[in-house]
Amino acid sequence: MRVRNYQEVQAEPAEGMMEGVTVRWVISEKEGAPNFAMRVFELEPGAETPFHTHPWEHEMFVLAGKGVARTEEEEIALGEGDTVFIPPNERHQIINRGNGILRFICLIPIIKD
């Protein structure tokens, strides 16, 4: 077992995303996780993830801030305590529409070759 505070993990610019989006890989294969990775994202006000799709699902939990989850059909308001399930192949985007940091946990499967 390993326990640590998420802030002990270095925040880094999220690959393929605009400035103002950082990620902390708090649990991954480096820690011996065989199936899932846990990431903590932080989006500065006005920052957003790309509008994208991929063949795996996401599970998210909003820790702080306000924003929206965008799909092809709608935008859904997000706030502290909200959970989000994004099915495989659904085009999606997370946008910070608040005045503070939008912080959320995002779980994804570890893709093996």
Protein backbone atom coordinates (compact mmCIF):
# COMPACT_ATOMS: atom_id res chain seq x y z
CA MET A 1 0.00 0.00 0.00
CA ARG A 2 1.13 3.54 -0.69
CA VAL A 3 -0.39 6.70 0.78
CA ARG A 4 0.66 10.22 -0.14
CA ASN A 5 -0.84 13.65 -0.61
CA TYR A 6 -1.56 14.51 -4.24
CA GLN A 7 0.46 17.72 -3.84
CA GLU A 8 3.60 15.63 -3.36
CA VAL A 9 3.36 14.76 -7.07
CA GLN A 10 4.79 17.38 -9.41
CA ALA A 11 2.16 19.16 -11.54
CA GLU A 12 3.21 19.20 -15.17
CA PRO A 13 1.76 20.71 -18.33
CA ALA A 14 -0.81 18.26 -19.70
CA GLU A 15 0.42 16.83 -23.00
CA GLY A 16 -1.50 18.08 -26.04
CA MET A 17 -3.44 20.69 -24.05
CA MET A 18 -3.44 24.46 -23.96
CA GLU A 19 -1.50 26.52 -21.47
CA GLY A 20 -3.22 26.67 -18.10
CA VAL A 21 -3.94 22.91 -17.88
CA THR A 22 -1.76 20.82 -15.58
CA VAL A 23 -1.89 17.18 -14.54
CA ARG A 24 -0.50 15.16 -11.65
CA TRP A 25 -0.22 11.41 -12.32
CA VAL A 26 -0.89 10.43 -8.69
CA ILE A 27 -1.35 6.69 -9.35
CA SER A 28 -0.01 4.95 -12.44
CA GLU A 29 2.10 2.01 -13.55
CA LYS A 30 5.06 3.66 -11.75
CA GLU A 31 3.31 2.85 -8.47
CA GLY A 32 2.48 -0.67 -9.64
CA ALA A 33 -1.13 -0.04 -10.67
CA PRO A 34 -1.94 -2.73 -13.26
CA ASN A 35 -5.33 -1.53 -14.51
CA PHE A 36 -6.15 2.14 -13.86
CA ALA A 37 -4.37 5.48 -13.62
CA MET A 38 -5.54 8.32 -11.40
CA ARG A 39 -4.78 11.88 -12.46
CA VAL A 40 -5.52 15.22 -10.84
CA PHE A 41 -6.12 17.98 -13.38
CA GLU A 42 -6.12 21.70 -12.69
CA LEU A 43 -7.51 24.17 -15.22
CA GLU A 44 -6.95 27.87 -14.74
CA PRO A 45 -9.88 30.22 -15.44
CA GLY A 46 -10.68 30.13 -19.16
CA ALA A 47 -8.56 27.01 -19.79
CA GLU A 48 -10.01 23.97 -21.51
CA THR A 49 -9.09 20.48 -22.61
CA PRO A 50 -9.23 19.67 -26.35
CA PHE A 51 -12.58 18.59 -27.83
CA HIS A 52 -11.60 14.97 -28.38
CA THR A 53 -12.53 11.30 -28.31
CA HIS A 54 -10.82 7.99 -27.55
CA PRO A 55 -11.83 4.34 -27.16
CA TRP A 56 -11.75 4.26 -23.35
CA GLU A 57 -14.04 5.62 -20.68
CA HIS A 58 -13.33 8.33 -18.09
CA GLU A 59 -14.57 8.65 -14.56
CA MET A 60 -14.21 12.08 -13.01
CA PHE A 61 -14.81 13.69 -9.62
CA VAL A 62 -14.78 17.48 -9.29
CA LEU A 63 -12.83 18.60 -6.23
CA ALA A 64 -13.07 22.38 -6.63
CA GLY A 65 -14.18 25.11 -8.99
CA LYS A 66 -16.80 25.55 -11.67
CA GLY A 67 -16.86 24.58 -15.30
CA VAL A 68 -18.70 22.63 -17.96
CA ALA A 69 -18.46 19.23 -19.56
CA ARG A 70 -19.13 19.63 -23.29
CA THR A 71 -20.33 16.88 -25.63
CA GLU A 72 -21.55 17.01 -29.24
CA GLU A 73 -25.09 17.63 -27.97
CA GLU A 74 -24.79 19.76 -24.83
CA GLU A 75 -22.83 21.53 -22.13
CA ILE A 76 -23.43 20.42 -18.55
CA ALA A 77 -22.47 22.60 -15.58
CA LEU A 78 -19.86 21.16 -13.22
CA GLY A 79 -19.10 22.08 -9.64
CA GLU A 80 -17.53 20.74 -6.47
CA GLY A 81 -18.72 17.22 -5.67
CA ASP A 82 -20.02 16.42 -9.15
CA THR A 83 -19.16 13.12 -10.81
CA VAL A 84 -18.86 12.57 -14.55
CA PHE A 85 -18.90 9.36 -16.58
CA ILE A 86 -17.73 9.73 -20.18
CA PRO A 87 -18.33 6.57 -22.21
CA PRO A 88 -15.83 5.30 -24.77
CA ASN A 89 -15.82 7.17 -28.10
CA GLU A 90 -17.94 10.09 -26.83
CA ARG A 91 -16.49 13.41 -28.01
CA HIS A 92 -15.93 15.57 -24.93
CA GLN A 93 -14.22 18.60 -23.47
CA ILE A 94 -13.85 20.14 -20.00
CA ILE A 95 -13.88 23.95 -19.78
CA ASN A 96 -13.21 26.15 -16.76
CA ARG A 97 -15.89 28.83 -16.78
CA GLY A 98 -15.28 29.91 -13.19
CA ASN A 99 -13.05 32.52 -11.57
CA GLY A 100 -10.84 30.03 -9.72
CA ILE A 101 -9.03 26.79 -10.42
CA LEU A 102 -11.16 23.87 -11.68
CA ARG A 103 -9.63 20.78 -10.04
CA PHE A 104 -10.82 17.24 -10.74
CA ILE A 105 -9.75 13.63 -10.41
CA CYS A 106 -9.82 11.66 -13.65
CA LEU A 107 -9.50 7.88 -13.84
CA ILE A 108 -8.52 6.10 -17.05
CA PRO A 109 -7.55 2.51 -17.87
CA ILE A 110 -3.90 1.70 -18.36
CA ILE A 111 -3.66 0.70 -22.02
CA LYS A 112 -1.37 -2.25 -22.59
CA ASP A 113 0.27 -2.99 -25.94
